[in-house]
Amino acid sequence: MKTAILVNGVPASGKSSVACAVSRGRGVPLMTLDTVKQPLFGHFGVGDREHNRRLGRASYEIIFAAIADWPDPMTVVIDAWFGFQPPEVLERHLAEANIGRVVELWCHAPGAVLAARYGARVETRSAGHPGLEYVPELVALAARAEPTGRGPCLAIDTTQELSIGSVLAWIDDAVGGC
């Protein structure tokens, strides 16, 4: 059985920083939606929002298909916005990848902070990602977004300094060391 540390939150919520710190701190693999999606932009183009969403769904599926081939037991950190798919899709992927233990790190920040972060990185990201026109949608999304509820969950306010030691200790308590 595998263990997944889901690092969840809307775009620009600080997931990648948290996920990288947890992966390094635990010495476990990291799978990120953007890492998988970026090469797909190169092969299939950047397109419109629906094209971006299709590549996002494919990237999500690729992550779990790859993890399914990994040996048991294994712990993996998965960095993604898990709210863009229906919950039953996550459940199916977890089962197919033989992930039996899940903990969630819920990354969040106020909408104005998310808007500023997103705006600051638009010019450095692939054209496959939405541009500044996405900011109002992002702020509205942040107001209604919530954790998956799939397992123990630690909320992380990413406007505060990250205490990676505290996060790793929480993970140990939540899964009995991983």
N, C-alpha and C. Protein backbone atom coordinates (compact mmCIF):
# COMPACT_ATOMS: atom_id res chain seq x y z
N MET A 1 0.84 -1.18 0.00
CA MET A 1 0.00 0.00 0.00
C MET A 1 0.89 1.24 0.00
N LYS A 2 0.47 2.22 -0.77
CA LYS A 2 1.21 3.47 -0.86
C LYS A 2 0.54 4.54 -0.01
N THR A 3 1.34 5.55 0.32
CA THR A 3 0.85 6.72 1.05
C THR A 3 1.02 7.93 0.16
N ALA A 4 -0.02 8.77 0.08
CA ALA A 4 0.06 10.01 -0.69
C ALA A 4 -0.10 11.19 0.26
N ILE A 5 0.80 12.14 0.10
CA ILE A 5 0.68 13.43 0.78
C ILE A 5 0.19 14.38 -0.29
N LEU A 6 -1.10 14.70 -0.24
CA LEU A 6 -1.71 15.58 -1.22
C LEU A 6 -1.48 17.02 -0.80
N VAL A 7 -0.76 17.76 -1.62
CA VAL A 7 -0.55 19.19 -1.35
C VAL A 7 -1.54 19.91 -2.26
N ASN A 8 -2.59 20.43 -1.66
CA ASN A 8 -3.77 20.90 -2.36
C ASN A 8 -3.96 22.40 -2.14
N GLY A 9 -4.59 23.04 -3.09
CA GLY A 9 -4.93 24.45 -2.99
C GLY A 9 -5.12 25.01 -4.38
N VAL A 10 -5.78 26.14 -4.47
CA VAL A 10 -6.02 26.76 -5.77
C VAL A 10 -4.70 27.27 -6.34
N PRO A 11 -4.67 27.62 -7.62
CA PRO A 11 -3.44 28.18 -8.19
C PRO A 11 -2.94 29.38 -7.39
N ALA A 12 -1.63 29.48 -7.25
CA ALA A 12 -0.94 30.56 -6.55
C ALA A 12 -1.10 30.51 -5.04
N SER A 13 -1.56 29.38 -4.52
CA SER A 13 -1.74 29.27 -3.06
C SER A 13 -0.47 28.85 -2.33
N GLY A 14 0.61 28.60 -3.04
CA GLY A 14 1.87 28.22 -2.40
C GLY A 14 2.12 26.73 -2.34
N LYS A 15 1.34 25.96 -3.09
CA LYS A 15 1.47 24.50 -3.08
C LYS A 15 2.87 24.02 -3.43
N SER A 16 3.42 24.58 -4.49
CA SER A 16 4.72 24.08 -4.98
C SER A 16 5.83 24.26 -3.95
N SER A 17 5.84 25.39 -3.27
CA SER A 17 6.86 25.62 -2.23
C SER A 17 6.71 24.62 -1.10
N VAL A 18 5.47 24.41 -0.67
CA VAL A 18 5.21 23.45 0.41
C VAL A 18 5.57 22.04 -0.05
N ALA A 19 5.12 21.66 -1.25
CA ALA A 19 5.37 20.30 -1.75
C ALA A 19 6.86 20.01 -1.88
N CYS A 20 7.62 20.96 -2.40
CA CYS A 20 9.07 20.76 -2.53
C CYS A 20 9.73 20.60 -1.17
N ALA A 21 9.32 21.41 -0.20
CA ALA A 21 9.90 21.32 1.14
C ALA A 21 9.58 19.98 1.79
N VAL A 22 8.35 19.51 1.63
CA VAL A 22 7.95 18.22 2.21
C VAL A 22 8.69 17.08 1.52
N SER A 23 8.78 17.12 0.20
CA SER A 23 9.49 16.07 -0.54
C SER A 23 10.95 15.99 -0.10
N ARG A 24 11.61 17.14 -0.03
CA ARG A 24 13.01 17.16 0.42
C ARG A 24 13.13 16.70 1.88
N GLY A 25 12.23 17.21 2.72
CA GLY A 25 12.30 16.87 4.14
C GLY A 25 12.05 15.41 4.43
N ARG A 26 11.22 14.77 3.62
CA ARG A 26 10.90 13.35 3.80
C ARG A 26 11.79 12.46 2.94
N GLY A 27 12.43 13.03 1.92
CA GLY A 27 13.23 12.21 1.00
C GLY A 27 12.37 11.29 0.16
N VAL A 28 11.21 11.81 -0.26
CA VAL A 28 10.28 11.00 -1.06
C VAL A 28 10.01 11.71 -2.39
N PRO A 29 9.56 10.94 -3.39
CA PRO A 29 9.31 11.53 -4.71
C PRO A 29 8.21 12.59 -4.67
N LEU A 30 8.31 13.50 -5.62
CA LEU A 30 7.34 14.58 -5.80
C LEU A 30 6.78 14.49 -7.21
N MET A 31 5.47 14.48 -7.33
CA MET A 31 4.79 14.54 -8.63
C MET A 31 3.96 15.82 -8.63
N THR A 32 4.16 16.65 -9.68
CA THR A 32 3.41 17.89 -9.76
C THR A 32 2.63 17.96 -11.07
N LEU A 33 1.45 18.52 -10.98
CA LEU A 33 0.62 18.66 -12.17
C LEU A 33 1.35 19.48 -13.23
N ASP A 34 1.97 20.58 -12.84
CA ASP A 34 2.64 21.44 -13.82
C ASP A 34 3.85 20.77 -14.47
N THR A 35 4.58 19.95 -13.72
CA THR A 35 5.73 19.26 -14.30
C THR A 35 5.31 18.31 -15.41
N VAL A 36 4.19 17.65 -15.22
CA VAL A 36 3.67 16.74 -16.24
C VAL A 36 3.05 17.54 -17.39
N LYS A 37 2.34 18.60 -17.05
CA LYS A 37 1.60 19.37 -18.06
C LYS A 37 2.51 20.14 -19.02
N GLN A 38 3.62 20.64 -18.52
CA GLN A 38 4.50 21.49 -19.34
C GLN A 38 4.97 20.79 -20.63
N PRO A 39 5.46 19.55 -20.57
CA PRO A 39 5.85 18.90 -21.82
C PRO A 39 4.66 18.67 -22.77
N LEU A 40 3.47 18.49 -22.20
CA LEU A 40 2.29 18.32 -23.05
C LEU A 40 2.02 19.59 -23.86
N PHE A 41 2.25 20.76 -23.26
CA PHE A 41 2.12 22.01 -24.02
C PHE A 41 3.07 21.98 -25.22
N GLY A 42 4.30 21.50 -24.99
CA GLY A 42 5.28 21.46 -26.06
C GLY A 42 4.88 20.53 -27.19
N HIS A 43 4.23 19.44 -26.88
CA HIS A 43 3.85 18.46 -27.90
C HIS A 43 2.50 18.74 -28.55
N PHE A 44 1.56 19.29 -27.76
CA PHE A 44 0.20 19.45 -28.25
C PHE A 44 -0.26 20.90 -28.37
N GLY A 45 0.63 21.84 -28.08
CA GLY A 45 0.28 23.25 -28.20
C GLY A 45 -0.40 23.80 -26.97
N VAL A 46 -0.61 25.11 -26.99
CA VAL A 46 -1.16 25.77 -25.80
C VAL A 46 -2.66 26.01 -25.88
N GLY A 47 -3.23 26.29 -27.01
CA GLY A 47 -4.68 26.34 -27.19
C GLY A 47 -5.46 27.23 -26.25
N ASP A 48 -6.77 26.99 -26.22
CA ASP A 48 -7.70 27.78 -25.41
C ASP A 48 -7.88 27.13 -24.03
N ARG A 49 -8.79 27.70 -23.23
CA ARG A 49 -9.01 27.19 -21.87
C ARG A 49 -9.42 25.72 -21.86
N GLU A 50 -10.29 25.32 -22.78
CA GLU A 50 -10.72 23.92 -22.80
C GLU A 50 -9.54 23.00 -23.13
N HIS A 51 -8.69 23.42 -24.02
CA HIS A 51 -7.48 22.65 -24.34
C HIS A 51 -6.60 22.53 -23.08
N ASN A 52 -6.43 23.63 -22.36
CA ASN A 52 -5.67 23.63 -21.11
C ASN A 52 -6.30 22.66 -20.10
N ARG A 53 -7.60 22.67 -20.00
CA ARG A 53 -8.29 21.77 -19.07
C ARG A 53 -8.09 20.30 -19.48
N ARG A 54 -8.16 20.03 -20.78
CA ARG A 54 -7.93 18.64 -21.23
C ARG A 54 -6.53 18.17 -20.87
N LEU A 55 -5.54 19.04 -21.11
CA LEU A 55 -4.17 18.67 -20.75
C LEU A 55 -4.03 18.52 -19.23
N GLY A 56 -4.75 19.32 -18.46
CA GLY A 56 -4.74 19.19 -17.00
C GLY A 56 -5.31 17.85 -16.57
N ARG A 57 -6.42 17.45 -17.16
CA ARG A 57 -7.02 16.15 -16.81
C ARG A 57 -6.08 15.00 -17.21
N ALA A 58 -5.45 15.13 -18.38
CA ALA A 58 -4.50 14.09 -18.80
C ALA A 58 -3.31 14.03 -17.85
N SER A 59 -2.80 15.19 -17.44
CA SER A 59 -1.66 15.24 -16.52
C SER A 59 -2.00 14.58 -15.19
N TYR A 60 -3.19 14.87 -14.69
CA TYR A 60 -3.69 14.29 -13.45
C TYR A 60 -3.70 12.76 -13.55
N GLU A 61 -4.21 12.26 -14.66
CA GLU A 61 -4.27 10.82 -14.86
C GLU A 61 -2.87 10.21 -15.00
N ILE A 62 -1.97 10.90 -15.69
CA ILE A 62 -0.60 10.43 -15.86
C ILE A 62 0.09 10.27 -14.51
N ILE A 63 -0.10 11.24 -13.63
CA ILE A 63 0.52 11.18 -12.29
C ILE A 63 0.14 9.87 -11.60
N PHE A 64 -1.14 9.58 -11.54
CA PHE A 64 -1.58 8.39 -10.82
C PHE A 64 -1.23 7.10 -11.55
N ALA A 65 -1.21 7.12 -12.88
CA ALA A 65 -0.79 5.94 -13.64
C ALA A 65 0.67 5.62 -13.37
N ALA A 66 1.50 6.65 -13.28
CA ALA A 66 2.92 6.43 -12.98
C ALA A 66 3.08 5.87 -11.57
N ILE A 67 2.39 6.45 -10.61
CA ILE A 67 2.48 5.99 -9.22
C ILE A 67 2.02 4.54 -9.10
N ALA A 68 1.04 4.14 -9.90
CA ALA A 68 0.54 2.76 -9.85
C ALA A 68 1.65 1.75 -10.12
N ASP A 69 2.64 2.14 -10.94
CA ASP A 69 3.74 1.24 -11.28
C ASP A 69 4.85 1.21 -10.23
N TRP A 70 4.80 2.11 -9.26
CA TRP A 70 5.84 2.16 -8.23
C TRP A 70 5.64 1.03 -7.22
N PRO A 71 6.72 0.58 -6.60
CA PRO A 71 6.59 -0.52 -5.64
C PRO A 71 5.89 -0.08 -4.36
N ASP A 72 5.29 -1.07 -3.70
CA ASP A 72 4.71 -0.87 -2.37
C ASP A 72 5.73 -1.33 -1.35
N PRO A 73 5.81 -0.75 -0.19
CA PRO A 73 5.18 0.51 0.17
C PRO A 73 5.99 1.68 -0.39
N MET A 74 5.33 2.78 -0.59
CA MET A 74 5.95 3.98 -1.14
C MET A 74 5.15 5.17 -0.62
N THR A 75 5.86 6.25 -0.37
CA THR A 75 5.21 7.52 -0.05
C THR A 75 5.55 8.50 -1.15
N VAL A 76 4.55 9.27 -1.58
CA VAL A 76 4.74 10.25 -2.64
C VAL A 76 4.03 11.55 -2.25
N VAL A 77 4.64 12.65 -2.62
CA VAL A 77 4.01 13.96 -2.48
C VAL A 77 3.41 14.31 -3.83
N ILE A 78 2.14 14.69 -3.84
CA ILE A 78 1.46 15.07 -5.09
C ILE A 78 0.98 16.51 -4.96
N ASP A 79 1.49 17.36 -5.83
CA ASP A 79 1.18 18.79 -5.85
C ASP A 79 0.20 19.06 -6.98
N ALA A 80 -1.04 19.39 -6.61
CA ALA A 80 -2.07 19.68 -7.61
C ALA A 80 -3.23 20.41 -6.96
N TRP A 81 -4.02 21.06 -7.76
CA TRP A 81 -5.30 21.60 -7.29
C TRP A 81 -6.31 20.48 -7.51
N PHE A 82 -6.66 19.78 -6.43
CA PHE A 82 -7.51 18.61 -6.51
C PHE A 82 -8.98 18.94 -6.68
N GLY A 83 -9.34 20.22 -6.59
CA GLY A 83 -10.74 20.62 -6.74
C GLY A 83 -11.18 20.81 -8.17
N PHE A 84 -10.29 20.65 -9.14
CA PHE A 84 -10.70 20.86 -10.53
C PHE A 84 -11.33 19.62 -11.14
N GLN A 85 -11.32 18.52 -10.42
CA GLN A 85 -11.93 17.28 -10.87
C GLN A 85 -12.99 16.86 -9.85
N PRO A 86 -14.01 16.13 -10.27
CA PRO A 86 -14.98 15.61 -9.31
C PRO A 86 -14.29 14.67 -8.31
N PRO A 87 -14.75 14.64 -7.06
CA PRO A 87 -14.10 13.79 -6.04
C PRO A 87 -13.99 12.33 -6.43
N GLU A 88 -14.96 11.82 -7.18
CA GLU A 88 -14.91 10.40 -7.55
C GLU A 88 -13.74 10.10 -8.49
N VAL A 89 -13.27 11.10 -9.24
CA VAL A 89 -12.10 10.90 -10.09
C VAL A 89 -10.86 10.68 -9.22
N LEU A 90 -10.71 11.50 -8.18
CA LEU A 90 -9.59 11.30 -7.26
C LEU A 90 -9.69 9.93 -6.60
N GLU A 91 -10.86 9.55 -6.15
CA GLU A 91 -11.03 8.25 -5.50
C GLU A 91 -10.63 7.11 -6.43
N ARG A 92 -11.04 7.19 -7.69
CA ARG A 92 -10.69 6.15 -8.66
C ARG A 92 -9.18 6.09 -8.88
N HIS A 93 -8.55 7.25 -9.03
CA HIS A 93 -7.11 7.28 -9.24
C HIS A 93 -6.35 6.75 -8.03
N LEU A 94 -6.78 7.11 -6.83
CA LEU A 94 -6.13 6.61 -5.62
C LEU A 94 -6.21 5.08 -5.56
N ALA A 95 -7.38 4.54 -5.86
CA ALA A 95 -7.56 3.08 -5.84
C ALA A 95 -6.70 2.40 -6.90
N GLU A 96 -6.70 2.95 -8.12
CA GLU A 96 -5.92 2.34 -9.20
C GLU A 96 -4.41 2.40 -8.94
N ALA A 97 -3.97 3.41 -8.18
CA ALA A 97 -2.54 3.55 -7.87
C ALA A 97 -2.17 2.80 -6.59
N ASN A 98 -3.13 2.11 -5.98
CA ASN A 98 -2.93 1.39 -4.72
C ASN A 98 -2.46 2.33 -3.61
N ILE A 99 -3.07 3.51 -3.56
CA ILE A 99 -2.80 4.46 -2.48
C ILE A 99 -3.88 4.27 -1.44
N GLY A 100 -3.47 3.74 -0.30
CA GLY A 100 -4.43 3.44 0.77
C GLY A 100 -4.43 4.44 1.90
N ARG A 101 -3.32 5.17 2.04
CA ARG A 101 -3.25 6.19 3.09
C ARG A 101 -3.07 7.55 2.43
N VAL A 102 -3.87 8.51 2.87
CA VAL A 102 -3.82 9.85 2.32
C VAL A 102 -3.83 10.85 3.46
N VAL A 103 -2.93 11.82 3.36
CA VAL A 103 -3.00 13.00 4.21
C VAL A 103 -2.99 14.20 3.28
N GLU A 104 -3.56 15.29 3.73
CA GLU A 104 -3.69 16.46 2.88
C GLU A 104 -3.11 17.69 3.56
N LEU A 105 -2.36 18.44 2.79
CA LEU A 105 -1.87 19.73 3.23
C LEU A 105 -2.64 20.76 2.40
N TRP A 106 -3.51 21.52 3.06
CA TRP A 106 -4.39 22.48 2.39
C TRP A 106 -3.73 23.85 2.43
N CYS A 107 -3.23 24.29 1.29
CA CYS A 107 -2.54 25.58 1.18
C CYS A 107 -3.57 26.65 0.82
N HIS A 108 -3.53 27.75 1.56
CA HIS A 108 -4.51 28.82 1.30
C HIS A 108 -3.90 30.18 1.62
N ALA A 109 -4.50 31.20 1.04
CA ALA A 109 -4.14 32.60 1.26
C ALA A 109 -5.33 33.44 0.85
N PRO A 110 -5.41 34.66 1.33
CA PRO A 110 -6.52 35.54 0.92
C PRO A 110 -6.52 35.77 -0.59
N GLY A 111 -7.71 36.01 -1.14
CA GLY A 111 -7.86 36.23 -2.57
C GLY A 111 -6.96 37.31 -3.13
N ALA A 112 -6.80 38.41 -2.40
CA ALA A 112 -5.94 39.51 -2.88
C ALA A 112 -4.49 39.05 -3.00
N VAL A 113 -4.04 38.21 -2.08
CA VAL A 113 -2.67 37.68 -2.14
C VAL A 113 -2.52 36.75 -3.34
N LEU A 114 -3.52 35.89 -3.55
CA LEU A 114 -3.49 34.97 -4.69
C LEU A 114 -3.45 35.76 -6.00
N ALA A 115 -4.26 36.81 -6.09
CA ALA A 115 -4.29 37.63 -7.30
C ALA A 115 -2.92 38.25 -7.56
N ALA A 116 -2.30 38.78 -6.52
CA ALA A 116 -0.97 39.40 -6.69
C ALA A 116 0.07 38.36 -7.09
N ARG A 117 0.05 37.19 -6.45
CA ARG A 117 1.01 36.13 -6.79
C ARG A 117 0.83 35.67 -8.23
N TYR A 118 -0.42 35.44 -8.60
CA TYR A 118 -0.71 34.95 -9.95
C TYR A 118 -0.27 35.99 -10.98
N GLY A 119 -0.63 37.23 -10.74
CA GLY A 119 -0.26 38.31 -11.65
C GLY A 119 1.24 38.45 -11.81
N ALA A 120 1.97 38.26 -10.72
CA ALA A 120 3.43 38.41 -10.76
C ALA A 120 4.11 37.31 -11.57
N ARG A 121 3.47 36.17 -11.71
CA ARG A 121 4.13 35.07 -12.42
C ARG A 121 3.61 34.83 -13.83
N VAL A 122 2.60 35.55 -14.25
CA VAL A 122 2.01 35.33 -15.57
C VAL A 122 3.06 35.41 -16.68
N GLU A 123 3.93 36.39 -16.62
CA GLU A 123 4.92 36.59 -17.69
C GLU A 123 5.99 35.50 -17.74
N THR A 124 6.18 34.77 -16.63
CA THR A 124 7.23 33.76 -16.59
C THR A 124 6.70 32.34 -16.84
N ARG A 125 5.39 32.19 -16.93
CA ARG A 125 4.81 30.87 -17.13
C ARG A 125 4.50 30.63 -18.60
N SER A 126 4.35 29.39 -18.95
CA SER A 126 4.01 29.01 -20.32
C SER A 126 2.71 29.69 -20.75
N ALA A 127 2.63 29.99 -22.02
CA ALA A 127 1.41 30.57 -22.57
C ALA A 127 0.23 29.61 -22.48
N GLY A 128 0.49 28.36 -22.15
CA GLY A 128 -0.59 27.39 -21.98
C GLY A 128 -1.44 27.63 -20.75
N HIS A 129 -0.90 28.37 -19.80
CA HIS A 129 -1.66 28.70 -18.59
C HIS A 129 -2.49 29.95 -18.84
N PRO A 130 -3.62 30.10 -18.18
CA PRO A 130 -4.42 31.31 -18.35
C PRO A 130 -3.61 32.56 -17.97
N GLY A 131 -3.96 33.67 -18.58
CA GLY A 131 -3.28 34.94 -18.31
C GLY A 131 -3.97 35.73 -17.22
N LEU A 132 -3.74 37.03 -17.24
CA LEU A 132 -4.32 37.91 -16.22
C LEU A 132 -5.84 37.90 -16.19
N GLU A 133 -6.46 37.56 -17.31
CA GLU A 133 -7.92 37.50 -17.34
C GLU A 133 -8.48 36.47 -16.35
N TYR A 134 -7.62 35.55 -15.89
CA TYR A 134 -8.03 34.50 -14.96
C TYR A 134 -8.12 35.00 -13.52
N VAL A 135 -7.50 36.11 -13.20
CA VAL A 135 -7.42 36.57 -11.80
C VAL A 135 -8.78 36.70 -11.13
N PRO A 136 -9.80 37.36 -11.72
CA PRO A 136 -11.10 37.43 -11.03
C PRO A 136 -11.71 36.05 -10.76
N GLU A 137 -11.55 35.14 -11.72
CA GLU A 137 -12.04 33.77 -11.52
C GLU A 137 -11.29 33.09 -10.38
N LEU A 138 -9.99 33.30 -10.31
CA LEU A 138 -9.17 32.73 -9.24
C LEU A 138 -9.61 33.23 -7.87
N VAL A 139 -9.85 34.52 -7.75
CA VAL A 139 -10.28 35.09 -6.47
C VAL A 139 -11.63 34.50 -6.06
N ALA A 140 -12.56 34.37 -7.00
CA ALA A 140 -13.86 33.77 -6.70
C ALA A 140 -13.70 32.29 -6.33
N LEU A 141 -12.81 31.59 -7.02
CA LEU A 141 -12.55 30.19 -6.73
C LEU A 141 -12.01 30.02 -5.31
N ALA A 142 -11.09 30.89 -4.94
CA ALA A 142 -10.49 30.82 -3.60
C ALA A 142 -11.53 30.99 -2.51
N ALA A 143 -12.55 31.78 -2.77
CA ALA A 143 -13.59 32.02 -1.76
C ALA A 143 -14.45 30.78 -1.50
N ARG A 144 -14.52 29.88 -2.47
CA ARG A 144 -15.37 28.69 -2.28
C ARG A 144 -14.58 27.38 -2.21
N ALA A 145 -13.28 27.42 -2.47
CA ALA A 145 -12.46 26.20 -2.49
C ALA A 145 -12.34 25.61 -1.10
N GLU A 146 -12.18 24.31 -1.06
CA GLU A 146 -12.02 23.62 0.22
C GLU A 146 -11.20 22.35 0.04
N PRO A 147 -10.68 21.81 1.13
CA PRO A 147 -9.91 20.56 1.05
C PRO A 147 -10.77 19.40 0.54
N THR A 148 -10.11 18.32 0.17
CA THR A 148 -10.83 17.16 -0.36
C THR A 148 -11.63 16.43 0.72
N GLY A 149 -11.18 16.49 1.98
CA GLY A 149 -11.83 15.74 3.04
C GLY A 149 -11.50 14.26 2.97
N ARG A 150 -10.48 13.90 2.22
CA ARG A 150 -10.13 12.51 1.98
C ARG A 150 -9.37 11.85 3.13
N GLY A 151 -8.73 12.64 3.97
CA GLY A 151 -7.96 12.09 5.08
C GLY A 151 -7.62 13.20 6.04
N PRO A 152 -6.74 12.93 6.99
CA PRO A 152 -6.33 14.00 7.90
C PRO A 152 -5.81 15.20 7.10
N CYS A 153 -6.14 16.40 7.56
CA CYS A 153 -5.82 17.59 6.79
C CYS A 153 -5.19 18.66 7.69
N LEU A 154 -4.09 19.21 7.22
CA LEU A 154 -3.43 20.33 7.89
C LEU A 154 -3.58 21.55 7.01
N ALA A 155 -4.22 22.59 7.53
CA ALA A 155 -4.36 23.85 6.80
C ALA A 155 -3.09 24.67 6.98
N ILE A 156 -2.56 25.17 5.87
CA ILE A 156 -1.32 25.95 5.90
C ILE A 156 -1.61 27.32 5.27
N ASP A 157 -1.53 28.34 6.08
CA ASP A 157 -1.66 29.72 5.61
C ASP A 157 -0.32 30.11 5.01
N THR A 158 -0.27 30.19 3.68
CA THR A 158 1.01 30.41 3.02
C THR A 158 1.44 31.88 3.03
N THR A 159 0.71 32.73 3.74
CA THR A 159 1.21 34.09 3.96
C THR A 159 2.10 34.14 5.19
N GLN A 160 2.14 33.03 5.93
CA GLN A 160 2.98 32.91 7.12
C GLN A 160 4.23 32.10 6.78
N GLU A 161 5.28 32.31 7.54
CA GLU A 161 6.50 31.52 7.33
C GLU A 161 6.21 30.05 7.58
N LEU A 162 6.69 29.20 6.68
CA LEU A 162 6.47 27.77 6.79
C LEU A 162 7.43 27.16 7.80
N SER A 163 6.87 26.44 8.75
CA SER A 163 7.69 25.67 9.69
C SER A 163 7.68 24.23 9.19
N ILE A 164 8.63 23.90 8.33
CA ILE A 164 8.63 22.58 7.73
C ILE A 164 8.77 21.48 8.78
N GLY A 165 9.50 21.76 9.85
CA GLY A 165 9.61 20.77 10.92
C GLY A 165 8.26 20.45 11.53
N SER A 166 7.45 21.46 11.75
CA SER A 166 6.10 21.24 12.29
C SER A 166 5.22 20.48 11.32
N VAL A 167 5.34 20.80 10.04
CA VAL A 167 4.55 20.10 9.02
C VAL A 167 4.95 18.63 8.96
N LEU A 168 6.25 18.36 8.96
CA LEU A 168 6.72 16.97 8.91
C LEU A 168 6.30 16.20 10.16
N ALA A 169 6.34 16.85 11.30
CA ALA A 169 5.89 16.20 12.54
C ALA A 169 4.40 15.88 12.46
N TRP A 170 3.62 16.81 11.92
CA TRP A 170 2.19 16.56 11.76
C TRP A 170 1.96 15.36 10.84
N ILE A 171 2.69 15.30 9.73
CA ILE A 171 2.56 14.16 8.81
C ILE A 171 2.89 12.86 9.53
N ASP A 172 3.98 12.85 10.30
CA ASP A 172 4.33 11.63 11.05
C ASP A 172 3.19 11.21 11.97
N ASP A 173 2.61 12.17 12.68
CA ASP A 173 1.49 11.84 13.58
C ASP A 173 0.28 11.33 12.80
N ALA A 174 0.03 11.94 11.64
CA ALA A 174 -1.17 11.59 10.87
C ALA A 174 -1.08 10.21 10.22
N VAL A 175 0.13 9.79 9.83
CA VAL A 175 0.26 8.49 9.15
C VAL A 175 1.19 7.52 9.89
N GLY A 176 1.61 7.88 11.05
CA GLY A 176 2.46 6.99 11.80
C GLY A 176 3.87 6.91 11.23
N GLY A 177 4.35 8.01 10.67
CA GLY A 177 5.68 8.03 10.05
C GLY A 177 5.59 7.47 8.65
N CYS A 178 6.14 8.20 7.70
CA CYS A 178 6.02 7.70 6.32
C CYS A 178 7.32 7.79 5.58
